[in-house]
């Protein structure tokens, strides 16, 4: 006798029916996967190196200015060296000048004061030469405004020369030689400064590498 089925009962399930409903396996794709690394960049067709800019050649006036300034530095160092060799005669002269102003000074104080005046004068000449040398290097980098600073330093240079001539330069042969060197140094520096203002220098100072 057959039993009636409930409305929700669809009957027994078959294992074969369930197996037929399974998703079949997908076979692997035989094609190679694309690589993630970027391809190498192509070589440039033009391998010519970039042009190298040559520094601008100084004009004739600038070269003349450099030569005159260098000669002035050499003359200044010669003046300092010659003043050092003749320091005994220069010290005696300074002592005489101090005695004219203050006759009551004792010998020890007089010698100390003379040495201070001598080395201060020679040291001032060295300082002026070093400052002018530094300014020349700066000017040769095409900094035209440095020429006006050189003008101010040259005015101080003239003052140092006048003071040194009055204090340490005597009327003997050593004094005359030292005076010639000091005056030559000053005129060489002045000529070097004037040469840097010649018309041919303007284009060089305004040029760029």
N, C-alpha and C. Protein backbone atom coordinates (compact mmCIF):
# COMPACT_ATOMS: atom_id res chain seq x y z
N UNK A 1 0.84 -1.19 0.00
CA UNK A 1 0.00 0.00 0.00
C UNK A 1 0.88 1.24 0.00
N UNK A 2 0.65 2.15 -0.88
CA UNK A 2 1.55 3.32 -1.02
C UNK A 2 1.14 4.42 -0.09
N UNK A 3 2.18 4.94 0.59
CA UNK A 3 1.93 6.00 1.55
C UNK A 3 1.84 7.32 0.81
N UNK A 4 0.89 8.12 1.20
CA UNK A 4 0.79 9.44 0.53
C UNK A 4 1.96 10.33 0.91
N UNK A 5 2.39 11.17 -0.01
CA UNK A 5 3.53 12.09 0.23
C UNK A 5 3.03 13.43 0.71
N UNK A 6 3.81 13.96 1.58
CA UNK A 6 3.51 15.30 2.08
C UNK A 6 3.79 16.31 0.99
N UNK A 7 3.12 17.48 1.08
CA UNK A 7 3.34 18.46 0.02
C UNK A 7 4.78 18.91 -0.11
N UNK A 8 5.49 19.00 1.01
CA UNK A 8 6.88 19.47 0.93
C UNK A 8 7.86 18.38 0.66
N UNK A 9 7.39 17.13 0.63
CA UNK A 9 8.30 16.01 0.42
C UNK A 9 8.35 15.69 -1.04
N UNK A 10 9.57 15.85 -1.64
CA UNK A 10 9.75 15.60 -3.06
C UNK A 10 10.31 14.20 -3.35
N UNK A 11 10.41 13.42 -2.41
CA UNK A 11 10.88 12.07 -2.60
C UNK A 11 12.34 11.94 -2.32
N UNK A 12 12.84 10.75 -2.36
CA UNK A 12 14.27 10.51 -2.07
C UNK A 12 15.15 11.12 -3.15
N UNK A 13 16.32 11.68 -2.71
CA UNK A 13 17.31 12.28 -3.63
C UNK A 13 18.31 11.21 -4.07
N UNK A 14 18.71 11.30 -5.27
CA UNK A 14 19.65 10.32 -5.84
C UNK A 14 21.05 10.92 -5.83
N UNK A 15 22.04 10.10 -5.47
CA UNK A 15 23.44 10.57 -5.46
C UNK A 15 23.92 10.90 -6.87
N UNK A 16 23.37 10.17 -7.85
CA UNK A 16 23.77 10.47 -9.23
C UNK A 16 23.32 11.81 -9.70
N UNK A 17 22.14 12.21 -9.22
CA UNK A 17 21.65 13.55 -9.59
C UNK A 17 22.49 14.63 -8.99
N UNK A 18 22.91 14.42 -7.73
CA UNK A 18 23.78 15.44 -7.10
C UNK A 18 25.13 15.52 -7.78
N UNK A 19 25.67 14.38 -8.21
CA UNK A 19 26.98 14.40 -8.87
C UNK A 19 26.92 15.13 -10.19
N UNK A 20 25.72 15.04 -10.86
CA UNK A 20 25.61 15.73 -12.14
C UNK A 20 25.59 17.22 -12.01
N UNK A 21 25.22 17.72 -10.83
CA UNK A 21 25.15 19.16 -10.63
C UNK A 21 26.51 19.79 -10.31
N UNK A 22 27.63 19.05 -10.11
CA UNK A 22 28.95 19.59 -9.76
C UNK A 22 29.55 20.32 -10.95
N UNK A 23 30.25 21.47 -10.67
CA UNK A 23 30.91 22.28 -11.72
C UNK A 23 32.15 21.58 -12.20
N UNK A 24 32.30 21.38 -13.47
CA UNK A 24 33.50 20.68 -13.95
C UNK A 24 34.75 21.54 -13.74
N UNK A 25 35.93 20.94 -13.53
CA UNK A 25 37.21 21.63 -13.32
C UNK A 25 37.67 22.29 -14.62
N UNK A 26 38.19 23.56 -14.47
CA UNK A 26 38.69 24.30 -15.64
C UNK A 26 40.15 23.95 -15.88
N UNK A 27 40.53 23.54 -17.02
CA UNK A 27 41.96 23.21 -17.27
C UNK A 27 42.81 24.48 -17.25
N UNK A 28 44.10 24.41 -16.83
CA UNK A 28 44.98 25.60 -16.78
C UNK A 28 45.23 26.17 -18.16
N UNK A 29 45.39 27.51 -18.17
CA UNK A 29 45.64 28.21 -19.43
C UNK A 29 47.08 27.98 -19.86
N UNK A 30 47.31 27.38 -20.99
CA UNK A 30 48.71 27.12 -21.41
C UNK A 30 49.47 28.37 -21.84
N UNK A 31 48.77 29.50 -22.04
CA UNK A 31 49.47 30.72 -22.47
C UNK A 31 50.28 31.31 -21.33
N UNK A 32 51.52 31.82 -21.57
CA UNK A 32 52.35 32.40 -20.48
C UNK A 32 51.75 33.72 -19.99
N UNK A 33 51.89 33.93 -18.72
CA UNK A 33 51.40 35.17 -18.11
C UNK A 33 52.35 36.32 -18.45
N UNK A 34 51.80 37.50 -18.65
CA UNK A 34 52.68 38.65 -18.96
C UNK A 34 53.54 39.03 -17.77
N UNK A 35 54.79 39.44 -18.03
CA UNK A 35 55.71 39.83 -16.95
C UNK A 35 55.34 41.22 -16.44
N UNK A 36 55.55 41.43 -15.13
CA UNK A 36 55.23 42.73 -14.51
C UNK A 36 56.38 43.72 -14.61
N UNK A 37 57.57 43.26 -14.90
CA UNK A 37 58.71 44.18 -15.01
C UNK A 37 58.62 44.96 -16.31
N UNK A 38 58.88 46.29 -16.24
CA UNK A 38 58.78 47.11 -17.46
C UNK A 38 59.86 46.73 -18.45
N UNK A 39 59.60 46.87 -19.69
CA UNK A 39 60.63 46.54 -20.71
C UNK A 39 61.79 47.52 -20.64
N UNK A 40 62.98 47.12 -21.02
CA UNK A 40 64.13 48.04 -21.00
C UNK A 40 63.93 49.21 -21.95
N UNK A 41 64.47 50.35 -21.50
CA UNK A 41 64.35 51.54 -22.33
C UNK A 41 65.23 51.43 -23.57
N UNK A 42 64.75 51.90 -24.67
CA UNK A 42 65.60 51.84 -25.88
C UNK A 42 66.76 52.82 -25.78
N UNK A 43 67.88 52.45 -26.35
CA UNK A 43 69.05 53.31 -26.34
C UNK A 43 68.83 54.53 -27.23
N UNK A 44 69.47 55.63 -26.77
CA UNK A 44 69.36 56.87 -27.54
C UNK A 44 70.16 56.73 -28.83
N UNK A 45 69.59 57.22 -29.89
CA UNK A 45 70.26 57.12 -31.18
C UNK A 45 71.44 58.09 -31.26
N UNK A 46 71.34 59.26 -30.55
CA UNK A 46 72.41 60.25 -30.59
C UNK A 46 73.22 60.15 -29.30
N UNK A 47 74.42 59.67 -29.38
CA UNK A 47 75.28 59.53 -28.21
C UNK A 47 76.29 60.66 -28.08
N UNK A 48 76.08 61.75 -28.75
CA UNK A 48 76.99 62.89 -28.68
C UNK A 48 76.88 63.53 -27.30
N UNK A 49 77.98 63.70 -26.56
CA UNK A 49 77.90 64.31 -25.23
C UNK A 49 77.48 65.77 -25.34
N UNK A 50 76.88 66.30 -24.27
CA UNK A 50 76.47 67.71 -24.31
C UNK A 50 77.68 68.62 -24.42
N UNK A 51 77.52 69.77 -25.00
CA UNK A 51 78.67 70.69 -25.15
C UNK A 51 79.13 71.23 -23.81
N UNK A 52 80.44 71.38 -23.66
CA UNK A 52 81.05 71.91 -22.44
C UNK A 52 81.33 73.39 -22.66
N UNK A 53 80.78 74.19 -21.78
CA UNK A 53 80.97 75.64 -21.91
C UNK A 53 82.35 76.03 -21.39
N UNK A 54 83.09 76.71 -22.21
CA UNK A 54 84.40 77.18 -21.81
C UNK A 54 84.28 78.53 -21.11
N UNK A 55 85.15 78.78 -20.12
CA UNK A 55 85.10 80.09 -19.45
C UNK A 55 85.44 81.20 -20.42
N UNK A 56 84.83 82.34 -20.18
CA UNK A 56 85.05 83.49 -21.06
C UNK A 56 86.46 84.02 -20.83
N UNK A 57 87.18 84.20 -21.91
CA UNK A 57 88.55 84.70 -21.82
C UNK A 57 88.55 86.17 -21.43
N UNK A 58 89.37 86.55 -20.41
CA UNK A 58 89.42 87.97 -20.04
C UNK A 58 89.91 88.83 -21.19
N UNK A 59 89.43 90.04 -21.22
CA UNK A 59 89.85 90.97 -22.25
C UNK A 59 91.28 91.44 -21.99
N UNK A 60 91.84 92.14 -22.96
CA UNK A 60 93.21 92.63 -22.82
C UNK A 60 93.33 93.60 -21.65
N UNK A 61 92.34 94.45 -21.47
CA UNK A 61 92.38 95.41 -20.37
C UNK A 61 92.34 94.70 -19.02
N UNK A 62 91.54 93.64 -18.92
CA UNK A 62 91.47 92.88 -17.67
C UNK A 62 92.80 92.19 -17.39
N UNK A 63 93.41 91.64 -18.42
CA UNK A 63 94.73 91.01 -18.24
C UNK A 63 95.77 92.03 -17.80
N UNK A 64 95.71 93.22 -18.38
CA UNK A 64 96.64 94.28 -17.97
C UNK A 64 96.41 94.68 -16.52
N UNK A 65 95.15 94.77 -16.13
CA UNK A 65 94.83 95.09 -14.74
C UNK A 65 95.36 94.02 -13.78
N UNK A 66 95.18 92.77 -14.16
CA UNK A 66 95.69 91.68 -13.32
C UNK A 66 97.20 91.73 -13.19
N UNK A 67 97.88 92.02 -14.29
CA UNK A 67 99.35 92.10 -14.26
C UNK A 67 99.81 93.25 -13.37
N UNK A 68 99.18 94.41 -13.50
CA UNK A 68 99.61 95.58 -12.71
C UNK A 68 99.34 95.36 -11.23
N UNK A 69 98.19 94.77 -10.89
CA UNK A 69 97.91 94.48 -9.49
C UNK A 69 98.92 93.49 -8.92
N UNK A 70 99.25 92.47 -9.70
CA UNK A 70 100.23 91.48 -9.24
C UNK A 70 101.59 92.12 -9.01
N UNK A 71 102.01 92.99 -9.92
CA UNK A 71 103.27 93.71 -9.74
C UNK A 71 103.23 94.58 -8.49
N UNK A 72 102.08 95.16 -8.20
CA UNK A 72 101.93 95.98 -6.99
C UNK A 72 102.09 95.12 -5.73
N UNK A 73 101.52 93.91 -5.76
CA UNK A 73 101.67 93.03 -4.60
C UNK A 73 103.12 92.64 -4.38
N UNK A 74 103.82 92.35 -5.47
CA UNK A 74 105.23 91.99 -5.35
C UNK A 74 106.04 93.16 -4.78
N UNK A 75 105.75 94.36 -5.25
CA UNK A 75 106.44 95.54 -4.73
C UNK A 75 106.13 95.76 -3.25
N UNK A 76 104.89 95.51 -2.84
CA UNK A 76 104.54 95.66 -1.44
C UNK A 76 105.27 94.68 -0.54
N UNK A 77 105.35 93.43 -0.99
CA UNK A 77 106.09 92.43 -0.21
C UNK A 77 107.58 92.77 -0.17
N UNK A 78 108.10 93.30 -1.27
CA UNK A 78 109.50 93.73 -1.26
C UNK A 78 109.72 94.87 -0.27
N UNK A 79 108.78 95.79 -0.19
CA UNK A 79 108.91 96.90 0.76
C UNK A 79 108.92 96.40 2.20
N UNK A 80 108.03 95.44 2.49
CA UNK A 80 108.00 94.88 3.84
C UNK A 80 109.29 94.14 4.15
N UNK A 81 109.77 93.35 3.19
CA UNK A 81 111.00 92.60 3.40
C UNK A 81 112.20 93.53 3.57
N UNK A 82 112.28 94.55 2.74
CA UNK A 82 113.39 95.50 2.84
C UNK A 82 113.31 96.28 4.15
N UNK A 83 112.12 96.65 4.56
CA UNK A 83 111.97 97.34 5.84
C UNK A 83 112.38 96.47 7.00
N UNK A 84 112.12 95.16 6.89
CA UNK A 84 112.54 94.24 7.95
C UNK A 84 114.06 94.13 8.01
N UNK A 85 114.73 94.08 6.86
CA UNK A 85 116.19 93.99 6.85
C UNK A 85 116.83 95.26 7.41
N UNK A 86 116.22 96.40 7.13
CA UNK A 86 116.77 97.68 7.60
C UNK A 86 116.10 98.17 8.87
N UNK A 87 115.58 97.22 9.67
CA UNK A 87 114.81 97.61 10.86
C UNK A 87 115.65 98.36 11.90
N UNK A 88 116.94 98.05 11.97
CA UNK A 88 117.77 98.74 12.97
C UNK A 88 117.89 100.23 12.64
N UNK A 89 118.15 100.55 11.38
CA UNK A 89 118.24 101.95 10.99
C UNK A 89 116.89 102.65 11.12
N UNK A 90 115.83 101.91 10.78
CA UNK A 90 114.50 102.51 10.89
C UNK A 90 114.13 102.77 12.35
N UNK A 91 114.53 101.86 13.23
CA UNK A 91 114.23 102.04 14.65
C UNK A 91 114.95 103.26 15.20
N UNK A 92 116.19 103.44 14.81
CA UNK A 92 116.93 104.62 15.28
C UNK A 92 116.26 105.91 14.80
N UNK A 93 115.79 105.90 13.58
CA UNK A 93 115.12 107.10 13.05
C UNK A 93 113.83 107.37 13.83
N UNK A 94 113.08 106.32 14.14
CA UNK A 94 111.83 106.51 14.88
C UNK A 94 112.12 107.02 16.29
N UNK A 95 113.18 106.54 16.88
CA UNK A 95 113.55 107.04 18.21
C UNK A 95 113.89 108.52 18.19
N UNK A 96 114.56 108.95 17.14
CA UNK A 96 114.87 110.38 17.02
C UNK A 96 113.59 111.20 16.87
N UNK A 97 112.64 110.68 16.12
CA UNK A 97 111.37 111.40 15.96
C UNK A 97 110.62 111.49 17.29
N UNK A 98 110.68 110.42 18.08
CA UNK A 98 109.98 110.43 19.36
C UNK A 98 110.66 111.39 20.33
N UNK A 99 111.99 111.45 20.30
CA UNK A 99 112.71 112.37 21.19
C UNK A 99 112.41 113.83 20.85
N UNK A 100 112.16 114.12 19.58
CA UNK A 100 111.80 115.48 19.22
C UNK A 100 110.46 115.88 19.82
N UNK A 101 109.56 114.91 19.97
CA UNK A 101 108.25 115.20 20.54
C UNK A 101 108.30 115.16 22.07
N UNK A 102 109.01 114.17 22.63
CA UNK A 102 109.07 114.00 24.09
C UNK A 102 110.51 113.71 24.48
N UNK A 103 111.29 114.73 24.77
CA UNK A 103 112.72 114.51 25.09
C UNK A 103 112.95 113.80 26.41
N UNK A 104 111.96 113.72 27.29
CA UNK A 104 112.16 113.16 28.62
C UNK A 104 111.94 111.65 28.68
N UNK A 105 111.71 111.01 27.60
CA UNK A 105 111.47 109.56 27.63
C UNK A 105 112.78 108.83 27.94
N UNK A 106 112.65 107.76 28.72
CA UNK A 106 113.83 106.95 29.02
C UNK A 106 114.14 106.03 27.84
N UNK A 107 115.33 105.44 27.87
CA UNK A 107 115.82 104.65 26.73
C UNK A 107 114.97 103.40 26.49
N UNK A 108 114.56 102.73 27.58
CA UNK A 108 113.79 101.49 27.41
C UNK A 108 112.42 101.77 26.80
N UNK A 109 111.75 102.76 27.33
CA UNK A 109 110.44 103.12 26.78
C UNK A 109 110.55 103.62 25.35
N UNK A 110 111.63 104.33 25.07
CA UNK A 110 111.85 104.86 23.72
C UNK A 110 112.03 103.71 22.72
N UNK A 111 112.80 102.71 23.09
CA UNK A 111 113.02 101.57 22.19
C UNK A 111 111.73 100.79 21.97
N UNK A 112 110.95 100.60 23.03
CA UNK A 112 109.68 99.88 22.89
C UNK A 112 108.71 100.62 21.97
N UNK A 113 108.62 101.93 22.15
CA UNK A 113 107.73 102.72 21.30
C UNK A 113 108.19 102.69 19.84
N UNK A 114 109.49 102.73 19.61
CA UNK A 114 110.00 102.69 18.24
C UNK A 114 109.68 101.35 17.57
N UNK A 115 109.82 100.25 18.32
CA UNK A 115 109.49 98.94 17.76
C UNK A 115 108.00 98.82 17.43
N UNK A 116 107.17 99.39 18.30
CA UNK A 116 105.72 99.34 18.05
C UNK A 116 105.37 100.10 16.77
N UNK A 117 105.96 101.27 16.60
CA UNK A 117 105.68 102.07 15.40
C UNK A 117 106.17 101.35 14.15
N UNK A 118 107.37 100.76 14.23
CA UNK A 118 107.92 100.08 13.06
C UNK A 118 107.07 98.89 12.64
N UNK A 119 106.75 98.01 13.59
CA UNK A 119 105.99 96.80 13.23
C UNK A 119 104.54 97.11 12.88
N UNK A 120 104.00 98.17 13.46
CA UNK A 120 102.64 98.58 13.08
C UNK A 120 102.61 99.07 11.64
N UNK A 121 103.63 99.83 11.25
CA UNK A 121 103.68 100.34 9.87
C UNK A 121 103.86 99.20 8.87
N UNK A 122 104.77 98.28 9.16
CA UNK A 122 104.97 97.14 8.26
C UNK A 122 103.75 96.23 8.24
N UNK A 123 103.13 96.03 9.39
CA UNK A 123 101.92 95.20 9.44
C UNK A 123 100.77 95.80 8.66
N UNK A 124 100.65 97.14 8.69
CA UNK A 124 99.59 97.80 7.93
C UNK A 124 99.81 97.59 6.43
N UNK A 125 101.05 97.62 5.99
CA UNK A 125 101.33 97.37 4.58
C UNK A 125 100.95 95.94 4.18
N UNK A 126 101.24 94.99 5.06
CA UNK A 126 100.89 93.60 4.77
C UNK A 126 99.37 93.44 4.69
N UNK A 127 98.65 94.04 5.61
CA UNK A 127 97.19 93.93 5.62
C UNK A 127 96.59 94.52 4.34
N UNK A 128 97.11 95.67 3.92
CA UNK A 128 96.61 96.30 2.69
C UNK A 128 96.84 95.40 1.49
N UNK A 129 98.02 94.79 1.40
CA UNK A 129 98.32 93.91 0.27
C UNK A 129 97.40 92.69 0.27
N UNK A 130 97.15 92.10 1.43
CA UNK A 130 96.27 90.93 1.49
C UNK A 130 94.83 91.28 1.11
N UNK A 131 94.36 92.44 1.55
CA UNK A 131 93.00 92.84 1.18
C UNK A 131 92.89 93.09 -0.32
N UNK A 132 93.87 93.76 -0.89
CA UNK A 132 93.86 94.01 -2.33
C UNK A 132 93.97 92.71 -3.12
N UNK A 133 94.72 91.76 -2.60
CA UNK A 133 94.83 90.46 -3.28
C UNK A 133 93.49 89.73 -3.28
N UNK A 134 92.79 89.74 -2.15
CA UNK A 134 91.48 89.09 -2.08
C UNK A 134 90.48 89.78 -3.01
N UNK A 135 90.54 91.09 -3.08
CA UNK A 135 89.63 91.81 -3.97
C UNK A 135 89.94 91.53 -5.44
N UNK A 136 91.21 91.34 -5.76
CA UNK A 136 91.57 91.02 -7.15
C UNK A 136 90.99 89.66 -7.55
N UNK A 137 91.09 88.66 -6.68
CA UNK A 137 90.50 87.36 -6.98
C UNK A 137 88.99 87.48 -7.19
N UNK A 138 88.35 88.30 -6.37
CA UNK A 138 86.91 88.49 -6.52
C UNK A 138 86.58 89.21 -7.82
N UNK A 139 87.38 90.18 -8.20
CA UNK A 139 87.13 90.92 -9.45
C UNK A 139 87.30 90.00 -10.66
N UNK A 140 88.26 89.09 -10.60
CA UNK A 140 88.50 88.18 -11.73
C UNK A 140 87.37 87.17 -11.90
N UNK A 141 86.44 87.12 -10.98
CA UNK A 141 85.24 86.30 -11.14
C UNK A 141 84.10 87.10 -11.78
N UNK A 142 84.48 88.19 -12.43
CA UNK A 142 83.56 89.07 -13.17
C UNK A 142 82.56 89.76 -12.24
N UNK A 143 83.03 90.18 -11.11
CA UNK A 143 82.22 90.99 -10.19
C UNK A 143 82.69 92.44 -10.33
N UNK A 144 82.00 93.16 -11.17
CA UNK A 144 82.43 94.51 -11.48
C UNK A 144 82.34 95.48 -10.31
N UNK A 145 81.42 95.24 -9.39
CA UNK A 145 81.26 96.17 -8.28
C UNK A 145 82.48 96.17 -7.36
N UNK A 146 83.32 95.11 -7.42
CA UNK A 146 84.50 95.04 -6.56
C UNK A 146 85.47 96.17 -6.88
N UNK A 147 85.43 96.69 -8.09
CA UNK A 147 86.35 97.77 -8.46
C UNK A 147 86.14 99.01 -7.60
N UNK A 148 84.90 99.26 -7.19
CA UNK A 148 84.64 100.42 -6.33
C UNK A 148 85.15 100.17 -4.92
N UNK A 149 85.11 98.94 -4.48
CA UNK A 149 85.71 98.61 -3.17
C UNK A 149 87.23 98.76 -3.25
N UNK A 150 87.80 98.34 -4.39
CA UNK A 150 89.24 98.52 -4.57
C UNK A 150 89.64 99.99 -4.53
N UNK A 151 88.77 100.85 -5.02
CA UNK A 151 89.06 102.28 -4.99
C UNK A 151 89.16 102.78 -3.55
N UNK A 152 88.24 102.34 -2.69
CA UNK A 152 88.29 102.74 -1.27
C UNK A 152 89.52 102.18 -0.58
N UNK A 153 89.84 100.92 -0.87
CA UNK A 153 91.02 100.31 -0.25
C UNK A 153 92.29 101.00 -0.75
N UNK A 154 92.29 101.40 -2.01
CA UNK A 154 93.46 102.11 -2.55
C UNK A 154 93.66 103.46 -1.86
N UNK A 155 92.57 104.11 -1.50
CA UNK A 155 92.69 105.37 -0.74
C UNK A 155 93.33 105.11 0.63
N UNK A 156 92.90 104.02 1.28
CA UNK A 156 93.53 103.65 2.55
C UNK A 156 94.99 103.26 2.34
N UNK A 157 95.26 102.62 1.21
CA UNK A 157 96.63 102.24 0.87
C UNK A 157 97.52 103.49 0.76
N UNK A 158 96.99 104.53 0.13
CA UNK A 158 97.76 105.77 0.01
C UNK A 158 98.05 106.37 1.38
N UNK A 159 97.06 106.32 2.27
CA UNK A 159 97.29 106.83 3.63
C UNK A 159 98.35 106.04 4.38
N UNK A 160 98.31 104.73 4.25
CA UNK A 160 99.33 103.89 4.90
C UNK A 160 100.71 104.19 4.34
N UNK A 161 100.80 104.42 3.03
CA UNK A 161 102.09 104.72 2.41
C UNK A 161 102.64 106.05 2.91
N UNK A 162 101.79 107.05 3.04
CA UNK A 162 102.24 108.36 3.53
C UNK A 162 102.74 108.25 4.97
N UNK A 163 102.01 107.54 5.81
CA UNK A 163 102.42 107.38 7.20
C UNK A 163 103.72 106.60 7.31
N UNK A 164 103.82 105.51 6.54
CA UNK A 164 105.05 104.73 6.57
C UNK A 164 106.24 105.53 6.08
N UNK A 165 106.03 106.34 5.05
CA UNK A 165 107.12 107.17 4.55
C UNK A 165 107.57 108.19 5.59
N UNK A 166 106.62 108.72 6.35
CA UNK A 166 106.96 109.73 7.35
C UNK A 166 107.64 109.13 8.58
N UNK A 167 107.32 107.88 8.89
CA UNK A 167 107.80 107.29 10.15
C UNK A 167 109.05 106.43 9.97
N UNK A 168 109.06 105.60 8.96
CA UNK A 168 110.13 104.60 8.89
C UNK A 168 111.09 104.83 7.73
N UNK A 169 110.83 105.80 6.87
CA UNK A 169 111.71 106.04 5.72
C UNK A 169 112.62 107.22 6.05
N UNK A 170 113.93 106.95 5.99
CA UNK A 170 114.90 108.00 6.29
C UNK A 170 115.49 108.60 5.03
N UNK A 171 116.53 109.43 5.21
CA UNK A 171 117.17 110.10 4.09
C UNK A 171 118.42 109.37 3.62
N UNK A 172 118.73 108.24 4.22
CA UNK A 172 119.90 107.48 3.78
C UNK A 172 119.55 106.64 2.56
N UNK A 173 120.50 105.82 2.13
CA UNK A 173 120.30 105.01 0.93
C UNK A 173 119.17 104.01 1.14
N UNK A 174 119.14 103.38 2.31
CA UNK A 174 118.07 102.41 2.60
C UNK A 174 116.70 103.07 2.56
N UNK A 175 116.63 104.28 3.09
CA UNK A 175 115.37 105.00 3.10
C UNK A 175 114.91 105.38 1.69
N UNK A 176 115.87 105.77 0.87
CA UNK A 176 115.51 106.14 -0.51
C UNK A 176 115.00 104.92 -1.28
N UNK A 177 115.66 103.78 -1.11
CA UNK A 177 115.21 102.56 -1.79
C UNK A 177 113.82 102.16 -1.32
N UNK A 178 113.60 102.24 -0.02
CA UNK A 178 112.29 101.89 0.52
C UNK A 178 111.21 102.84 0.03
N UNK A 179 111.53 104.11 -0.09
CA UNK A 179 110.55 105.08 -0.59
C UNK A 179 110.20 104.79 -2.05
N UNK A 180 111.19 104.46 -2.84
CA UNK A 180 110.93 104.15 -4.26
C UNK A 180 110.02 102.93 -4.37
N UNK A 181 110.26 101.93 -3.54
CA UNK A 181 109.42 100.72 -3.60
C UNK A 181 107.99 101.04 -3.18
N UNK A 182 107.83 101.80 -2.13
CA UNK A 182 106.49 102.15 -1.65
C UNK A 182 105.71 102.95 -2.68
N UNK A 183 106.37 103.94 -3.27
CA UNK A 183 105.69 104.76 -4.27
C UNK A 183 105.37 103.94 -5.53
N UNK A 184 106.29 103.05 -5.90
CA UNK A 184 106.03 102.19 -7.07
C UNK A 184 104.84 101.28 -6.82
N UNK A 185 104.76 100.75 -5.62
CA UNK A 185 103.63 99.89 -5.29
C UNK A 185 102.31 100.64 -5.42
N UNK A 186 102.29 101.87 -4.91
CA UNK A 186 101.05 102.65 -4.96
C UNK A 186 100.65 102.98 -6.39
N UNK A 187 101.61 103.36 -7.23
CA UNK A 187 101.28 103.71 -8.61
C UNK A 187 100.90 102.48 -9.43
N UNK A 188 101.51 101.35 -9.16
CA UNK A 188 101.12 100.12 -9.86
C UNK A 188 99.69 99.73 -9.51
N UNK A 189 99.32 99.86 -8.24
CA UNK A 189 97.96 99.55 -7.83
C UNK A 189 96.97 100.51 -8.48
N UNK A 190 97.32 101.78 -8.54
CA UNK A 190 96.44 102.76 -9.19
C UNK A 190 96.28 102.46 -10.67
N UNK A 191 97.38 102.11 -11.33
CA UNK A 191 97.30 101.77 -12.75
C UNK A 191 96.45 100.52 -12.98
N UNK A 192 96.57 99.53 -12.09
CA UNK A 192 95.74 98.33 -12.21
C UNK A 192 94.26 98.63 -12.04
N UNK A 193 93.95 99.54 -11.12
CA UNK A 193 92.55 99.91 -10.93
C UNK A 193 92.00 100.65 -12.14
N UNK A 194 92.78 101.59 -12.68
CA UNK A 194 92.33 102.33 -13.85
C UNK A 194 92.16 101.42 -15.06
N UNK A 195 93.03 100.43 -15.20
CA UNK A 195 92.90 99.50 -16.33
C UNK A 195 91.62 98.69 -16.26
N UNK A 196 91.14 98.42 -15.05
CA UNK A 196 89.90 97.65 -14.91
C UNK A 196 88.66 98.45 -15.28
N UNK A 197 88.81 99.78 -15.45
CA UNK A 197 87.68 100.63 -15.86
C UNK A 197 87.71 100.99 -17.34
N UNK A 198 88.64 100.44 -18.09
CA UNK A 198 88.70 100.74 -19.51
C UNK A 198 87.47 100.21 -20.23
N UNK A 199 87.11 100.80 -21.39
CA UNK A 199 85.87 100.38 -22.08
C UNK A 199 85.84 98.90 -22.45
N UNK A 200 86.98 98.29 -22.71
CA UNK A 200 86.97 96.89 -23.12
C UNK A 200 86.60 95.91 -22.02
N UNK A 201 86.54 96.38 -20.77
CA UNK A 201 86.24 95.48 -19.66
C UNK A 201 84.74 95.33 -19.40
N UNK A 202 83.93 96.24 -19.90
CA UNK A 202 82.51 96.22 -19.57
C UNK A 202 81.82 94.95 -20.10
N UNK A 203 82.13 94.59 -21.33
CA UNK A 203 81.50 93.39 -21.91
C UNK A 203 81.93 92.13 -21.17
N UNK A 204 83.19 92.10 -20.72
CA UNK A 204 83.66 90.90 -20.00
C UNK A 204 82.99 90.76 -18.64
N UNK A 205 82.80 91.86 -17.94
CA UNK A 205 82.15 91.79 -16.63
C UNK A 205 80.69 91.40 -16.75
N UNK A 206 80.06 91.72 -17.87
CA UNK A 206 78.63 91.40 -18.05
C UNK A 206 78.40 90.03 -18.69
N UNK A 207 79.45 89.40 -19.17
CA UNK A 207 79.29 88.10 -19.84
C UNK A 207 79.04 87.02 -18.80
N UNK A 208 78.47 85.89 -19.29
CA UNK A 208 78.16 84.75 -18.46
C UNK A 208 78.71 83.51 -19.13
N UNK A 209 79.07 82.53 -18.26
CA UNK A 209 79.58 81.25 -18.79
C UNK A 209 78.46 80.48 -19.49
